[in-house]
PDB file of all heavy atoms in Angstrom:
ATOM      1  N   ALA A   1      -1.780 -11.848   4.861  1.00  0.00           N
ATOM      2  CA  ALA A   1      -2.512 -13.122   4.904  1.00  0.00           C
ATOM      3  C   ALA A   1      -3.542 -13.138   6.023  1.00  0.00           C
ATOM      4  O   ALA A   1      -4.694 -13.572   5.836  1.00  0.00           O
ATOM      5  CB  ALA A   1      -1.524 -14.272   5.068  1.00  0.00           C
ATOM      6  N   LEU A   2      -3.152 -12.668   7.204  1.00  0.00           N
ATOM      7  CA  LEU A   2      -4.068 -12.701   8.352  1.00  0.00           C
ATOM      8  C   LEU A   2      -5.243 -11.740   8.176  1.00  0.00           C
ATOM      9  O   LEU A   2      -6.344 -11.993   8.683  1.00  0.00           O
ATOM     10  CB  LEU A   2      -3.306 -12.351   9.626  1.00  0.00           C
ATOM     11  CG  LEU A   2      -2.227 -13.370  10.067  1.00  0.00           C
ATOM     12  CD1 LEU A   2      -1.458 -12.849  11.266  1.00  0.00           C
ATOM     13  CD2 LEU A   2      -2.856 -14.723  10.376  1.00  0.00           C
ATOM     14  N   GLU A   3      -5.016 -10.656   7.451  1.00  0.00           N
ATOM     15  CA  GLU A   3      -6.065  -9.634   7.319  1.00  0.00           C
ATOM     16  C   GLU A   3      -6.956  -9.844   6.099  1.00  0.00           C
ATOM     17  O   GLU A   3      -8.138  -9.509   6.133  1.00  0.00           O
ATOM     18  CB  GLU A   3      -5.409  -8.247   7.236  1.00  0.00           C
ATOM     19  CG  GLU A   3      -4.707  -7.826   8.522  1.00  0.00           C
ATOM     20  CD  GLU A   3      -3.815  -6.613   8.320  1.00  0.00           C
ATOM     21  OE1 GLU A   3      -3.833  -6.049   7.193  1.00  0.00           O
ATOM     22  OE2 GLU A   3      -3.090  -6.241   9.254  1.00  0.00           O
ATOM     23  N   ARG A   4      -6.407 -10.426   5.005  1.00  0.00           N
ATOM     24  CA  ARG A   4      -7.156 -10.447   3.751  1.00  0.00           C
ATOM     25  C   ARG A   4      -7.644 -11.833   3.323  1.00  0.00           C
ATOM     26  O   ARG A   4      -8.556 -11.937   2.508  1.00  0.00           O
ATOM     27  CB  ARG A   4      -6.307  -9.844   2.630  1.00  0.00           C
ATOM     28  CG  ARG A   4      -5.954  -8.389   2.838  1.00  0.00           C
ATOM     29  CD  ARG A   4      -5.482  -7.774   1.544  1.00  0.00           C
ATOM     30  NE  ARG A   4      -5.039  -6.411   1.721  1.00  0.00           N
ATOM     31  CZ  ARG A   4      -4.635  -5.620   0.724  1.00  0.00           C
ATOM     32  NH1 ARG A   4      -4.635  -6.084  -0.516  1.00  0.00           N
ATOM     33  NH2 ARG A   4      -4.235  -4.388   0.960  1.00  0.00           N
ATOM     34  N   ASP A   5      -7.008 -12.879   3.825  1.00  0.00           N
ATOM     35  CA  ASP A   5      -7.475 -14.206   3.431  1.00  0.00           C
ATOM     36  C   ASP A   5      -8.871 -14.451   3.997  1.00  0.00           C
ATOM     37  O   ASP A   5      -9.135 -14.173   5.173  1.00  0.00           O
ATOM     38  CB  ASP A   5      -6.503 -15.279   3.922  1.00  0.00           C
ATOM     39  CG  ASP A   5      -6.979 -16.675   3.564  1.00  0.00           C
ATOM     40  OD1 ASP A   5      -7.061 -16.977   2.353  1.00  0.00           O
ATOM     41  OD2 ASP A   5      -7.290 -17.438   4.488  1.00  0.00           O
ATOM     42  N   LEU A   6      -9.750 -14.972   3.166  1.00  0.00           N
ATOM     43  CA  LEU A   6     -11.148 -15.148   3.564  1.00  0.00           C
ATOM     44  C   LEU A   6     -11.296 -16.095   4.747  1.00  0.00           C
ATOM     45  O   LEU A   6     -12.223 -15.956   5.555  1.00  0.00           O
ATOM     46  CB  LEU A   6     -11.962 -15.673   2.376  1.00  0.00           C
ATOM     47  CG  LEU A   6     -12.121 -14.705   1.199  1.00  0.00           C
ATOM     48  CD1 LEU A   6     -12.876 -15.361   0.060  1.00  0.00           C
ATOM     49  CD2 LEU A   6     -12.824 -13.427   1.656  1.00  0.00           C
ATOM     50  N   VAL A   7     -10.401 -17.067   4.863  1.00  0.00           N
ATOM     51  CA  VAL A   7     -10.488 -18.043   5.954  1.00  0.00           C
ATOM     52  C   VAL A   7      -9.849 -17.491   7.220  1.00  0.00           C
ATOM     53  O   VAL A   7     -10.456 -17.465   8.302  1.00  0.00           O
ATOM     54  CB  VAL A   7      -9.815 -19.376   5.548  1.00  0.00           C
ATOM     55  CG1 VAL A   7      -9.831 -20.364   6.721  1.00  0.00           C
ATOM     56  CG2 VAL A   7     -10.501 -19.974   4.330  1.00  0.00           C
ATOM     57  N   LEU A   8      -8.597 -17.037   7.115  1.00  0.00           N
ATOM     58  CA  LEU A   8      -7.861 -16.594   8.307  1.00  0.00           C
ATOM     59  C   LEU A   8      -8.438 -15.311   8.892  1.00  0.00           C
ATOM     60  O   LEU A   8      -8.381 -15.107  10.116  1.00  0.00           O
ATOM     61  CB  LEU A   8      -6.378 -16.402   7.956  1.00  0.00           C
ATOM     62  CG  LEU A   8      -5.616 -17.650   7.512  1.00  0.00           C
ATOM     63  CD1 LEU A   8      -4.143 -17.326   7.314  1.00  0.00           C
ATOM     64  CD2 LEU A   8      -5.764 -18.790   8.527  1.00  0.00           C
ATOM     65  N   SER A   9      -8.961 -14.443   8.042  1.00  0.00           N
ATOM     66  CA  SER A   9      -9.497 -13.172   8.550  1.00  0.00           C
ATOM     67  C   SER A   9     -10.739 -13.373   9.409  1.00  0.00           C
ATOM     68  O   SER A   9     -11.115 -12.488  10.196  1.00  0.00           O
ATOM     69  CB  SER A   9      -9.812 -12.236   7.386  1.00  0.00           C
ATOM     70  OG  SER A   9     -10.800 -12.802   6.543  1.00  0.00           O
ATOM     71  N   GLU A  10     -11.383 -14.540   9.289  1.00  0.00           N
ATOM     72  CA  GLU A  10     -12.564 -14.846  10.110  1.00  0.00           C
ATOM     73  C   GLU A  10     -12.189 -15.316  11.504  1.00  0.00           C
ATOM     74  O   GLU A  10     -13.040 -15.404  12.384  1.00  0.00           O
ATOM     75  CB  GLU A  10     -13.410 -15.924   9.415  1.00  0.00           C
ATOM     76  CG  GLU A  10     -14.052 -15.476   8.113  1.00  0.00           C
ATOM     77  CD  GLU A  10     -15.074 -14.375   8.341  1.00  0.00           C
ATOM     78  OE1 GLU A  10     -15.844 -14.484   9.319  1.00  0.00           O
ATOM     79  OE2 GLU A  10     -15.084 -13.401   7.564  1.00  0.00           O
ATOM     80  N   ARG A  11     -10.911 -15.638  11.674  1.00  0.00           N
ATOM     81  CA  ARG A  11     -10.459 -16.137  12.985  1.00  0.00           C
ATOM     82  C   ARG A  11      -9.731 -15.041  13.751  1.00  0.00           C
ATOM     83  O   ARG A  11      -9.246 -14.056  13.171  1.00  0.00           O
ATOM     84  CB  ARG A  11      -9.531 -17.343  12.789  1.00  0.00           C
ATOM     85  CG  ARG A  11     -10.212 -18.534  12.150  1.00  0.00           C
ATOM     86  CD  ARG A  11      -9.254 -19.689  11.968  1.00  0.00           C
ATOM     87  NE  ARG A  11      -8.644 -20.107  13.237  1.00  0.00           N
ATOM     88  CZ  ARG A  11      -7.709 -21.068  13.327  1.00  0.00           C
ATOM     89  NH1 ARG A  11      -7.313 -21.701  12.233  1.00  0.00           N
ATOM     90  NH2 ARG A  11      -7.226 -21.383  14.500  1.00  0.00           N
ATOM     91  N   ASN A  12      -9.612 -15.229  15.044  1.00  0.00           N
ATOM     92  CA  ASN A  12      -8.901 -14.279  15.907  1.00  0.00           C
ATOM     93  C   ASN A  12      -7.476 -14.795  16.110  1.00  0.00           C
ATOM     94  O   ASN A  12      -7.191 -15.521  17.070  1.00  0.00           O
ATOM     95  CB  ASN A  12      -9.642 -14.136  17.238  1.00  0.00           C
ATOM     96  CG  ASN A  12      -9.002 -13.097  18.139  1.00  0.00           C
ATOM     97  OD1 ASN A  12      -8.102 -12.364  17.727  1.00  0.00           O
ATOM     98  ND2 ASN A  12      -9.468 -13.031  19.383  1.00  0.00           N
ATOM     99  N   ILE A  13      -6.585 -14.434  15.185  1.00  0.00           N
ATOM    100  CA  ILE A  13      -5.206 -14.927  15.209  1.00  0.00           C
ATOM    101  C   ILE A  13      -4.262 -13.747  15.406  1.00  0.00           C
ATOM    102  O   ILE A  13      -4.342 -12.741  14.688  1.00  0.00           O
ATOM    103  CB  ILE A  13      -4.846 -15.655  13.899  1.00  0.00           C
ATOM    104  CG1 ILE A  13      -5.785 -16.840  13.661  1.00  0.00           C
ATOM    105  CG2 ILE A  13      -3.393 -16.126  13.933  1.00  0.00           C
ATOM    106  CD1 ILE A  13      -5.599 -17.508  12.311  1.00  0.00           C
ATOM    107  N   THR A  14      -3.383 -13.866  16.386  1.00  0.00           N
ATOM    108  CA  THR A  14      -2.362 -12.840  16.610  1.00  0.00           C
ATOM    109  C   THR A  14      -0.986 -13.489  16.613  1.00  0.00           C
ATOM    110  O   THR A  14      -0.835 -14.669  16.965  1.00  0.00           O
ATOM    111  CB  THR A  14      -2.585 -12.111  17.950  1.00  0.00           C
ATOM    112  OG1 THR A  14      -2.592 -13.085  19.012  1.00  0.00           O
ATOM    113  CG2 THR A  14      -3.894 -11.347  17.944  1.00  0.00           C
ATOM    114  N   VAL A  15      -0.012 -12.713  16.220  1.00  0.00           N
ATOM    115  CA  VAL A  15       1.370 -13.200  16.199  1.00  0.00           C
ATOM    116  C   VAL A  15       2.125 -12.535  17.331  1.00  0.00           C
ATOM    117  O   VAL A  15       2.314 -11.313  17.350  1.00  0.00           O
ATOM    118  CB  VAL A  15       2.052 -12.892  14.845  1.00  0.00           C
ATOM    119  CG1 VAL A  15       3.448 -13.516  14.822  1.00  0.00           C
ATOM    120  CG2 VAL A  15       1.219 -13.410  13.682  1.00  0.00           C
ATOM    121  N   LYS A  16       2.553 -13.348  18.288  1.00  0.00           N
ATOM    122  CA  LYS A  16       3.289 -12.816  19.435  1.00  0.00           C
ATOM    123  C   LYS A  16       4.788 -12.804  19.170  1.00  0.00           C
ATOM    124  O   LYS A  16       5.499 -11.872  19.589  1.00  0.00           O
ATOM    125  CB  LYS A  16       2.978 -13.662  20.672  1.00  0.00           C
ATOM    126  CG  LYS A  16       3.648 -13.158  21.951  1.00  0.00           C
ATOM    127  CD  LYS A  16       3.278 -14.026  23.147  1.00  0.00           C
ATOM    128  CE  LYS A  16       3.963 -13.528  24.409  1.00  0.00           C
ATOM    129  NZ  LYS A  16       3.626 -14.377  25.590  1.00  0.00           N
ATOM    130  N   GLU A  17       5.286 -13.838  18.475  1.00  0.00           N
ATOM    131  CA  GLU A  17       6.726 -13.948  18.189  1.00  0.00           C
ATOM    132  C   GLU A  17       6.919 -14.309  16.710  1.00  0.00           C
ATOM    133  O   GLU A  17       6.194 -15.139  16.166  1.00  0.00           O
ATOM    134  CB  GLU A  17       7.373 -15.008  19.084  1.00  0.00           C
ATOM    135  CG  GLU A  17       7.316 -14.644  20.566  1.00  0.00           C
ATOM    136  CD  GLU A  17       7.716 -15.812  21.467  1.00  0.00           C
ATOM    137  OE1 GLU A  17       7.421 -16.966  21.098  1.00  0.00           O
ATOM    138  OE2 GLU A  17       8.318 -15.553  22.520  1.00  0.00           O
ATOM    139  N   TYR A  18       7.919 -13.672  16.112  1.00  0.00           N
ATOM    140  CA  TYR A  18       8.117 -13.808  14.666  1.00  0.00           C
ATOM    141  C   TYR A  18       9.367 -14.609  14.287  1.00  0.00           C
ATOM    142  O   TYR A  18       9.515 -15.029  13.136  1.00  0.00           O
ATOM    143  CB  TYR A  18       8.241 -12.421  14.028  1.00  0.00           C
ATOM    144  CG  TYR A  18       6.991 -11.587  14.117  1.00  0.00           C
ATOM    145  CD1 TYR A  18       6.774 -10.726  15.195  1.00  0.00           C
ATOM    146  CD2 TYR A  18       6.025 -11.645  13.123  1.00  0.00           C
ATOM    147  CE1 TYR A  18       5.630  -9.951  15.276  1.00  0.00           C
ATOM    148  CE2 TYR A  18       4.872 -10.872  13.191  1.00  0.00           C
ATOM    149  CZ  TYR A  18       4.681 -10.030  14.267  1.00  0.00           C
ATOM    150  OH  TYR A  18       3.551  -9.266  14.332  1.00  0.00           O
ATOM    151  N   GLU A  19      10.282 -14.797  15.222  1.00  0.00           N
ATOM    152  CA  GLU A  19      11.595 -15.347  14.874  1.00  0.00           C
ATOM    153  C   GLU A  19      11.501 -16.704  14.168  1.00  0.00           C
ATOM    154  O   GLU A  19      12.140 -16.927  13.140  1.00  0.00           O
ATOM    155  CB  GLU A  19      12.473 -15.475  16.122  1.00  0.00           C
ATOM    156  CG  GLU A  19      13.870 -16.011  15.804  1.00  0.00           C
ATOM    157  CD  GLU A  19      14.713 -16.221  17.052  1.00  0.00           C
ATOM    158  OE1 GLU A  19      14.338 -15.718  18.138  1.00  0.00           O
ATOM    159  OE2 GLU A  19      15.750 -16.897  16.934  1.00  0.00           O
ATOM    160  N   ALA A  20      10.727 -17.615  14.704  1.00  0.00           N
ATOM    161  CA  ALA A  20      10.648 -18.961  14.127  1.00  0.00           C
ATOM    162  C   ALA A  20      10.026 -18.925  12.731  1.00  0.00           C
ATOM    163  O   ALA A  20      10.503 -19.600  11.811  1.00  0.00           O
ATOM    164  CB  ALA A  20       9.844 -19.883  15.037  1.00  0.00           C
ATOM    165  N   LEU A  21       8.977 -18.138  12.569  1.00  0.00           N
ATOM    166  CA  LEU A  21       8.348 -18.032  11.247  1.00  0.00           C
ATOM    167  C   LEU A  21       9.330 -17.524  10.204  1.00  0.00           C
ATOM    168  O   LEU A  21       9.419 -18.060   9.097  1.00  0.00           O
ATOM    169  CB  LEU A  21       7.143 -17.085  11.320  1.00  0.00           C
ATOM    170  CG  LEU A  21       5.827 -17.666  11.847  1.00  0.00           C
ATOM    171  CD1 LEU A  21       4.833 -16.539  12.135  1.00  0.00           C
ATOM    172  CD2 LEU A  21       5.236 -18.655  10.856  1.00  0.00           C
ATOM    173  N   LEU A  22      10.089 -16.499  10.568  1.00  0.00           N
ATOM    174  CA  LEU A  22      11.043 -15.926   9.625  1.00  0.00           C
ATOM    175  C   LEU A  22      12.197 -16.882   9.364  1.00  0.00           C
ATOM    176  O   LEU A  22      12.667 -17.025   8.225  1.00  0.00           O
ATOM    177  CB  LEU A  22      11.572 -14.592  10.165  1.00  0.00           C
ATOM    178  CG  LEU A  22      10.528 -13.474  10.326  1.00  0.00           C
ATOM    179  CD1 LEU A  22      11.157 -12.248  10.968  1.00  0.00           C
ATOM    180  CD2 LEU A  22       9.913 -13.117   8.986  1.00  0.00           C
ATOM    181  N   ARG A  23      12.645 -17.555  10.418  1.00  0.00           N
ATOM    182  CA  ARG A  23      13.784 -18.464  10.267  1.00  0.00           C
ATOM    183  C   ARG A  23      13.420 -19.663   9.411  1.00  0.00           C
ATOM    184  O   ARG A  23      14.162 -20.065   8.507  1.00  0.00           O
ATOM    185  CB  ARG A  23      14.261 -18.923  11.639  1.00  0.00           C
ATOM    186  CG  ARG A  23      15.409 -19.932  11.581  1.00  0.00           C
ATOM    187  CD  ARG A  23      15.992 -20.180  12.961  1.00  0.00           C
ATOM    188  NE  ARG A  23      16.974 -21.259  12.885  1.00  0.00           N
ATOM    189  CZ  ARG A  23      16.825 -22.431  13.465  1.00  0.00           C
ATOM    190  NH1 ARG A  23      15.738 -22.702  14.153  1.00  0.00           N
ATOM    191  NH2 ARG A  23      17.756 -23.358  13.360  1.00  0.00           N
ATOM    192  N   PHE A  24      12.271 -20.247   9.660  1.00  0.00           N
ATOM    193  CA  PHE A  24      11.863 -21.429   8.909  1.00  0.00           C
ATOM    194  C   PHE A  24      11.558 -21.103   7.448  1.00  0.00           C
ATOM    195  O   PHE A  24      11.742 -21.925   6.571  1.00  0.00           O
ATOM    196  CB  PHE A  24      10.639 -22.088   9.551  1.00  0.00           C
ATOM    197  CG  PHE A  24      10.960 -23.008  10.682  1.00  0.00           C
ATOM    198  CD1 PHE A  24      11.332 -22.514  11.919  1.00  0.00           C
ATOM    199  CD2 PHE A  24      10.897 -24.376  10.527  1.00  0.00           C
ATOM    200  CE1 PHE A  24      11.632 -23.357  12.974  1.00  0.00           C
ATOM    201  CE2 PHE A  24      11.191 -25.235  11.578  1.00  0.00           C
ATOM    202  CZ  PHE A  24      11.563 -24.723  12.804  1.00  0.00           C
TER     203      PHE A  24
END
C-alpha cells in the first residue's frame, strides 16, 4: 500500500512500529 498506492506513495511515510497495526 505504501509503495504502490497513487496517494500514499507520494508521501514520505515510514512505519516504525507494527504491533498496533497488526493487533487492530
